[in-house]
Amino acid sequence: MSVFQFLLIAGVVAAGVFAVKFLPGERSLALKRIFALLFVVAAIFAIVFPNSLTAIAHFFGVGRGTDLLLYVFIIMTLLFAVATVRAKARSDARVTNLARAVALMEARILEERSTKGLDDPTPEEPSA
């Protein structure tokens, strides 16, 4: 095993540990961890046995293992981009719902103060 292969394996293991340890979200956390673990195992296998990647590429009708790796990388990058866009859309929807709830709450407070006849109907500023 060359030094470069050792460094690659160390990098893949570090990325896998980082992904498993800091993955956010309570849903499908186990599934994410399983995929991270499978990624680490597959990457180490491809690093240690590079000719097996070429054999797998030939099985799928791809000329070289490097080409197969590039195709898989492109697909995974697209999936990551789609997942990121969907997560941002969910986050934006949550912020919008929260802003609506705060606006409705402030309107109710102003209405209650005006019906009670308080002098200053402006809502209090939230303290930091």
N, C-alpha and C. Protein backbone atom coordinates (compact mmCIF):
# COMPACT_ATOMS: atom_id res chain seq x y z
N MET A 1 0.85 -1.18 0.00
CA MET A 1 0.00 0.00 0.00
C MET A 1 0.90 1.24 0.00
N SER A 2 0.59 2.16 -0.91
CA SER A 2 1.42 3.36 -1.01
C SER A 2 0.99 4.39 0.02
N VAL A 3 1.81 5.42 0.15
CA VAL A 3 1.51 6.50 1.09
C VAL A 3 0.25 7.24 0.65
N PHE A 4 0.11 7.41 -0.66
CA PHE A 4 -1.07 8.11 -1.18
C PHE A 4 -2.35 7.34 -0.86
N GLN A 5 -2.32 6.02 -0.99
CA GLN A 5 -3.49 5.22 -0.64
C GLN A 5 -3.82 5.35 0.84
N PHE A 6 -2.79 5.35 1.67
CA PHE A 6 -3.02 5.53 3.10
C PHE A 6 -3.65 6.89 3.39
N LEU A 7 -3.15 7.94 2.73
CA LEU A 7 -3.71 9.27 2.94
C LEU A 7 -5.16 9.34 2.45
N LEU A 8 -5.45 8.69 1.32
CA LEU A 8 -6.82 8.66 0.82
C LEU A 8 -7.75 7.96 1.80
N ILE A 9 -7.33 6.83 2.32
CA ILE A 9 -8.15 6.10 3.29
C ILE A 9 -8.37 6.94 4.54
N ALA A 10 -7.33 7.61 5.02
CA ALA A 10 -7.48 8.47 6.20
C ALA A 10 -8.47 9.60 5.92
N GLY A 11 -8.40 10.18 4.74
CA GLY A 11 -9.33 11.25 4.38
C GLY A 11 -10.76 10.76 4.28
N VAL A 12 -10.96 9.60 3.70
CA VAL A 12 -12.32 9.03 3.57
C VAL A 12 -12.88 8.70 4.95
N VAL A 13 -12.07 8.10 5.81
CA VAL A 13 -12.54 7.77 7.16
C VAL A 13 -12.87 9.06 7.92
N ALA A 14 -12.04 10.08 7.79
CA ALA A 14 -12.32 11.35 8.48
C ALA A 14 -13.61 11.97 7.96
N ALA A 15 -13.83 11.93 6.65
CA ALA A 15 -15.08 12.47 6.09
C ALA A 15 -16.28 11.68 6.57
N GLY A 16 -16.15 10.36 6.64
CA GLY A 16 -17.25 9.53 7.12
C GLY A 16 -17.57 9.79 8.57
N VAL A 17 -16.55 9.91 9.40
CA VAL A 17 -16.78 10.20 10.83
C VAL A 17 -17.41 11.58 10.98
N PHE A 18 -16.92 12.54 10.22
CA PHE A 18 -17.48 13.90 10.28
C PHE A 18 -18.95 13.89 9.85
N ALA A 19 -19.27 13.16 8.80
CA ALA A 19 -20.64 13.11 8.31
C ALA A 19 -21.56 12.43 9.31
N VAL A 20 -21.12 11.36 9.91
CA VAL A 20 -21.97 10.64 10.87
C VAL A 20 -22.15 11.45 12.14
N LYS A 21 -21.12 12.10 12.58
CA LYS A 21 -21.18 12.81 13.86
C LYS A 21 -21.98 14.11 13.77
N PHE A 22 -21.93 14.81 12.65
CA PHE A 22 -22.54 16.13 12.59
C PHE A 22 -23.71 16.21 11.63
N LEU A 23 -24.35 15.09 11.30
CA LEU A 23 -25.53 15.15 10.43
C LEU A 23 -26.72 15.69 11.20
N PRO A 24 -27.33 16.78 10.70
CA PRO A 24 -28.48 17.33 11.42
C PRO A 24 -29.76 16.61 11.04
N GLY A 25 -30.79 16.85 11.78
CA GLY A 25 -32.11 16.33 11.43
C GLY A 25 -32.43 15.06 12.19
N GLU A 26 -33.66 14.98 12.63
CA GLU A 26 -34.06 13.81 13.40
C GLU A 26 -34.64 12.71 12.51
N ARG A 27 -35.12 13.09 11.32
CA ARG A 27 -35.68 12.09 10.41
C ARG A 27 -34.58 11.48 9.56
N SER A 28 -34.70 10.22 9.34
CA SER A 28 -33.80 9.43 8.48
C SER A 28 -32.34 9.57 8.88
N LEU A 29 -32.09 9.81 10.15
CA LEU A 29 -30.70 9.92 10.61
C LEU A 29 -29.99 8.58 10.48
N ALA A 30 -30.68 7.49 10.78
CA ALA A 30 -30.06 6.18 10.66
C ALA A 30 -29.72 5.88 9.21
N LEU A 31 -30.61 6.26 8.31
CA LEU A 31 -30.35 6.03 6.88
C LEU A 31 -29.13 6.83 6.41
N LYS A 32 -29.01 8.06 6.87
CA LYS A 32 -27.84 8.86 6.51
C LYS A 32 -26.56 8.23 7.03
N ARG A 33 -26.62 7.72 8.24
CA ARG A 33 -25.42 7.09 8.82
C ARG A 33 -25.05 5.83 8.05
N ILE A 34 -26.06 5.07 7.64
CA ILE A 34 -25.77 3.85 6.87
C ILE A 34 -25.13 4.21 5.53
N PHE A 35 -25.65 5.25 4.86
CA PHE A 35 -25.05 5.67 3.59
C PHE A 35 -23.63 6.18 3.79
N ALA A 36 -23.38 6.90 4.87
CA ALA A 36 -22.02 7.38 5.13
C ALA A 36 -21.07 6.21 5.37
N LEU A 37 -21.54 5.21 6.10
CA LEU A 37 -20.72 4.03 6.37
C LEU A 37 -20.46 3.24 5.08
N LEU A 38 -21.49 3.09 4.24
CA LEU A 38 -21.31 2.40 2.96
C LEU A 38 -20.34 3.15 2.06
N PHE A 39 -20.42 4.48 2.09
CA PHE A 39 -19.49 5.29 1.31
C PHE A 39 -18.05 5.04 1.75
N VAL A 40 -17.82 5.01 3.06
CA VAL A 40 -16.46 4.79 3.57
C VAL A 40 -15.95 3.41 3.15
N VAL A 41 -16.80 2.40 3.29
CA VAL A 41 -16.37 1.04 2.94
C VAL A 41 -16.08 0.94 1.43
N ALA A 42 -16.97 1.49 0.60
CA ALA A 42 -16.77 1.43 -0.85
C ALA A 42 -15.53 2.21 -1.27
N ALA A 43 -15.30 3.36 -0.66
CA ALA A 43 -14.14 4.16 -1.02
C ALA A 43 -12.84 3.45 -0.63
N ILE A 44 -12.81 2.86 0.54
CA ILE A 44 -11.61 2.12 0.96
C ILE A 44 -11.37 0.93 0.05
N PHE A 45 -12.45 0.23 -0.32
CA PHE A 45 -12.32 -0.91 -1.23
C PHE A 45 -11.76 -0.46 -2.58
N ALA A 46 -12.25 0.67 -3.09
CA ALA A 46 -11.77 1.18 -4.39
C ALA A 46 -10.32 1.65 -4.30
N ILE A 47 -9.92 2.16 -3.15
CA ILE A 47 -8.54 2.63 -2.99
C ILE A 47 -7.58 1.45 -2.89
N VAL A 48 -7.96 0.46 -2.12
CA VAL A 48 -7.07 -0.68 -1.91
C VAL A 48 -7.00 -1.58 -3.15
N PHE A 49 -8.16 -1.77 -3.80
CA PHE A 49 -8.23 -2.64 -4.99
C PHE A 49 -8.70 -1.83 -6.19
N PRO A 50 -7.83 -1.01 -6.79
CA PRO A 50 -8.28 -0.14 -7.89
C PRO A 50 -8.69 -0.91 -9.14
N ASN A 51 -8.16 -2.10 -9.36
CA ASN A 51 -8.54 -2.88 -10.54
C ASN A 51 -9.97 -3.41 -10.43
N SER A 52 -10.45 -3.57 -9.21
CA SER A 52 -11.83 -4.06 -9.04
C SER A 52 -12.82 -3.00 -9.53
N LEU A 53 -12.47 -1.73 -9.40
CA LEU A 53 -13.34 -0.66 -9.90
C LEU A 53 -13.44 -0.74 -11.42
N THR A 54 -12.34 -1.08 -12.07
CA THR A 54 -12.39 -1.26 -13.52
C THR A 54 -13.24 -2.47 -13.89
N ALA A 55 -13.14 -3.53 -13.12
CA ALA A 55 -13.97 -4.71 -13.39
C ALA A 55 -15.46 -4.38 -13.23
N ILE A 56 -15.77 -3.62 -12.19
CA ILE A 56 -17.17 -3.20 -11.99
C ILE A 56 -17.62 -2.31 -13.14
N ALA A 57 -16.72 -1.44 -13.60
CA ALA A 57 -17.06 -0.56 -14.73
C ALA A 57 -17.33 -1.37 -15.99
N HIS A 58 -16.53 -2.38 -16.23
CA HIS A 58 -16.77 -3.25 -17.39
C HIS A 58 -18.11 -3.97 -17.27
N PHE A 59 -18.47 -4.36 -16.05
CA PHE A 59 -19.76 -5.03 -15.82
C PHE A 59 -20.92 -4.11 -16.23
N PHE A 60 -20.78 -2.83 -15.95
CA PHE A 60 -21.85 -1.87 -16.30
C PHE A 60 -21.68 -1.31 -17.70
N GLY A 61 -20.69 -1.75 -18.43
CA GLY A 61 -20.51 -1.30 -19.80
C GLY A 61 -19.75 0.00 -19.93
N VAL A 62 -19.03 0.39 -18.90
CA VAL A 62 -18.22 1.61 -18.92
C VAL A 62 -16.78 1.18 -19.16
N GLY A 63 -16.04 1.98 -19.92
CA GLY A 63 -14.69 1.60 -20.32
C GLY A 63 -13.70 1.48 -19.18
N ARG A 64 -13.63 2.49 -18.32
CA ARG A 64 -12.64 2.50 -17.27
C ARG A 64 -13.29 2.73 -15.90
N GLY A 65 -12.58 2.34 -14.87
CA GLY A 65 -13.07 2.57 -13.52
C GLY A 65 -13.12 4.04 -13.17
N THR A 66 -12.19 4.80 -13.73
CA THR A 66 -12.17 6.24 -13.49
C THR A 66 -13.42 6.90 -14.06
N ASP A 67 -13.84 6.45 -15.24
CA ASP A 67 -15.06 7.01 -15.83
C ASP A 67 -16.28 6.67 -14.97
N LEU A 68 -16.34 5.43 -14.51
CA LEU A 68 -17.45 5.05 -13.63
C LEU A 68 -17.47 5.91 -12.37
N LEU A 69 -16.31 6.12 -11.80
CA LEU A 69 -16.22 6.95 -10.59
C LEU A 69 -16.68 8.38 -10.88
N LEU A 70 -16.32 8.91 -12.05
CA LEU A 70 -16.75 10.26 -12.42
C LEU A 70 -18.27 10.32 -12.59
N TYR A 71 -18.85 9.34 -13.23
CA TYR A 71 -20.31 9.32 -13.42
C TYR A 71 -21.03 9.25 -12.09
N VAL A 72 -20.55 8.40 -11.21
CA VAL A 72 -21.18 8.27 -9.89
C VAL A 72 -21.03 9.58 -9.11
N PHE A 73 -19.87 10.21 -9.24
CA PHE A 73 -19.65 11.50 -8.56
C PHE A 73 -20.62 12.56 -9.07
N ILE A 74 -20.83 12.61 -10.37
CA ILE A 74 -21.76 13.59 -10.95
C ILE A 74 -23.18 13.35 -10.45
N ILE A 75 -23.59 12.10 -10.42
CA ILE A 75 -24.95 11.78 -9.94
C ILE A 75 -25.09 12.14 -8.47
N MET A 76 -24.10 11.81 -7.66
CA MET A 76 -24.17 12.13 -6.24
C MET A 76 -24.16 13.64 -6.01
N THR A 77 -23.42 14.37 -6.80
CA THR A 77 -23.40 15.83 -6.67
C THR A 77 -24.77 16.42 -7.00
N LEU A 78 -25.41 15.89 -8.05
CA LEU A 78 -26.75 16.37 -8.39
C LEU A 78 -27.75 16.05 -7.29
N LEU A 79 -27.67 14.85 -6.73
CA LEU A 79 -28.56 14.49 -5.63
C LEU A 79 -28.34 15.39 -4.41
N PHE A 80 -27.08 15.69 -4.13
CA PHE A 80 -26.77 16.59 -3.02
C PHE A 80 -27.34 17.98 -3.27
N ALA A 81 -27.23 18.46 -4.49
CA ALA A 81 -27.77 19.79 -4.81
C ALA A 81 -29.29 19.82 -4.65
N VAL A 82 -29.95 18.78 -5.11
CA VAL A 82 -31.41 18.71 -4.98
C VAL A 82 -31.80 18.65 -3.50
N ALA A 83 -31.10 17.85 -2.72
CA ALA A 83 -31.40 17.76 -1.30
C ALA A 83 -31.17 19.09 -0.59
N THR A 84 -30.14 19.80 -1.00
CA THR A 84 -29.85 21.10 -0.38
C THR A 84 -30.94 22.11 -0.73
N VAL A 85 -31.38 22.12 -1.97
CA VAL A 85 -32.43 23.05 -2.38
C VAL A 85 -33.74 22.75 -1.63
N ARG A 86 -34.07 21.46 -1.50
CA ARG A 86 -35.29 21.09 -0.78
C ARG A 86 -35.19 21.47 0.70
N ALA A 87 -34.04 21.29 1.31
CA ALA A 87 -33.87 21.65 2.72
C ALA A 87 -34.00 23.16 2.90
N LYS A 88 -33.47 23.94 1.96
CA LYS A 88 -33.59 25.40 2.07
C LYS A 88 -35.04 25.82 1.88
N ALA A 89 -35.78 25.18 0.99
CA ALA A 89 -37.19 25.51 0.80
C ALA A 89 -37.98 25.21 2.07
N ARG A 90 -37.68 24.08 2.73
CA ARG A 90 -38.37 23.77 3.99
C ARG A 90 -38.03 24.78 5.06
N SER A 91 -36.78 25.19 5.11
CA SER A 91 -36.36 26.19 6.10
C SER A 91 -37.04 27.53 5.84
N ASP A 92 -37.13 27.93 4.58
CA ASP A 92 -37.81 29.18 4.24
C ASP A 92 -39.29 29.13 4.62
N ALA A 93 -39.93 27.99 4.40
CA ALA A 93 -41.34 27.85 4.76
C ALA A 93 -41.52 27.96 6.27
N ARG A 94 -40.61 27.38 7.04
CA ARG A 94 -40.70 27.48 8.50
C ARG A 94 -40.53 28.93 8.96
N VAL A 95 -39.60 29.65 8.36
CA VAL A 95 -39.39 31.06 8.74
C VAL A 95 -40.63 31.89 8.39
N THR A 96 -41.23 31.61 7.24
CA THR A 96 -42.45 32.34 6.84
C THR A 96 -43.57 32.08 7.83
N ASN A 97 -43.77 30.82 8.22
CA ASN A 97 -44.81 30.50 9.19
C ASN A 97 -44.54 31.16 10.53
N LEU A 98 -43.30 31.19 10.93
CA LEU A 98 -42.94 31.84 12.20
C LEU A 98 -43.20 33.34 12.13
N ALA A 99 -42.86 33.98 11.03
CA ALA A 99 -43.10 35.41 10.88
C ALA A 99 -44.61 35.71 10.90
N ARG A 100 -45.39 34.86 10.27
CA ARG A 100 -46.86 35.04 10.30
C ARG A 100 -47.39 34.92 11.72
N ALA A 101 -46.89 33.94 12.46
CA ALA A 101 -47.36 33.74 13.84
C ALA A 101 -47.00 34.94 14.70
N VAL A 102 -45.82 35.48 14.53
CA VAL A 102 -45.40 36.65 15.32
C VAL A 102 -46.26 37.86 14.95
N ALA A 103 -46.54 38.05 13.67
CA ALA A 103 -47.36 39.18 13.24
C ALA A 103 -48.77 39.07 13.80
N LEU A 104 -49.33 37.86 13.78
CA LEU A 104 -50.67 37.67 14.34
C LEU A 104 -50.68 37.90 15.85
N MET A 105 -49.65 37.45 16.53
CA MET A 105 -49.56 37.65 17.97
C MET A 105 -49.46 39.14 18.31
N GLU A 106 -48.66 39.87 17.56
CA GLU A 106 -48.55 41.32 17.80
C GLU A 106 -49.87 42.02 17.52
N ALA A 107 -50.59 41.59 16.50
CA ALA A 107 -51.89 42.20 16.20
C ALA A 107 -52.88 41.93 17.32
N ARG A 108 -52.86 40.72 17.87
CA ARG A 108 -53.76 40.41 18.99
C ARG A 108 -53.41 41.25 20.22
N ILE A 109 -52.14 41.43 20.49
CA ILE A 109 -51.72 42.23 21.65
C ILE A 109 -52.18 43.68 21.46
N LEU A 110 -52.00 44.22 20.25
CA LEU A 110 -52.45 45.59 19.99
C LEU A 110 -53.96 45.71 20.14
N GLU A 111 -54.69 44.71 19.69
CA GLU A 111 -56.15 44.75 19.79
C GLU A 111 -56.60 44.69 21.24
N GLU A 112 -55.95 43.83 22.03
CA GLU A 112 -56.31 43.74 23.45
C GLU A 112 -56.01 45.04 24.17
N ARG A 113 -54.89 45.66 23.88
CA ARG A 113 -54.54 46.93 24.53
C ARG A 113 -55.51 48.04 24.15
N SER A 114 -55.91 48.04 22.88
CA SER A 114 -56.83 49.10 22.46
C SER A 114 -58.22 48.90 23.06
N THR A 115 -58.64 47.66 23.24
CA THR A 115 -59.95 47.42 23.85
C THR A 115 -59.93 47.72 25.34
N LYS A 116 -58.78 47.57 25.99
CA LYS A 116 -58.66 47.88 27.41
C LYS A 116 -58.45 49.37 27.64
N GLY A 117 -58.18 50.11 26.59
CA GLY A 117 -58.03 51.54 26.71
C GLY A 117 -56.66 51.99 27.19
N LEU A 118 -55.67 51.21 26.94
CA LEU A 118 -54.32 51.61 27.32
C LEU A 118 -53.86 52.73 26.40
N ASP A 119 -52.98 53.61 26.91
CA ASP A 119 -52.56 54.79 26.15
C ASP A 119 -51.67 54.44 24.96
N ASP A 120 -50.68 53.63 25.18
CA ASP A 120 -49.70 53.35 24.13
C ASP A 120 -50.00 51.99 23.49
N PRO A 121 -50.60 51.97 22.28
CA PRO A 121 -50.95 50.69 21.67
C PRO A 121 -49.80 50.01 20.93
N THR A 122 -48.59 50.62 20.91
CA THR A 122 -47.48 50.00 20.19
C THR A 122 -46.97 48.80 20.98
N PRO A 123 -46.62 47.74 20.29
CA PRO A 123 -46.12 46.55 21.01
C PRO A 123 -44.73 46.81 21.56
N GLU A 124 -44.43 46.11 22.63
CA GLU A 124 -43.11 46.25 23.24
C GLU A 124 -42.07 45.60 22.35
N GLU A 125 -40.88 46.18 22.32
CA GLU A 125 -39.79 45.60 21.56
C GLU A 125 -39.27 44.38 22.29
N PRO A 126 -39.02 43.30 21.56
CA PRO A 126 -38.48 42.12 22.23
C PRO A 126 -37.07 42.37 22.72
N SER A 127 -36.80 41.88 23.90
CA SER A 127 -35.45 42.05 24.45
C SER A 127 -34.53 40.99 23.88
N ALA A 128 -33.31 41.35 23.68
CA ALA A 128 -32.34 40.43 23.08
C ALA A 128 -31.83 39.43 24.06
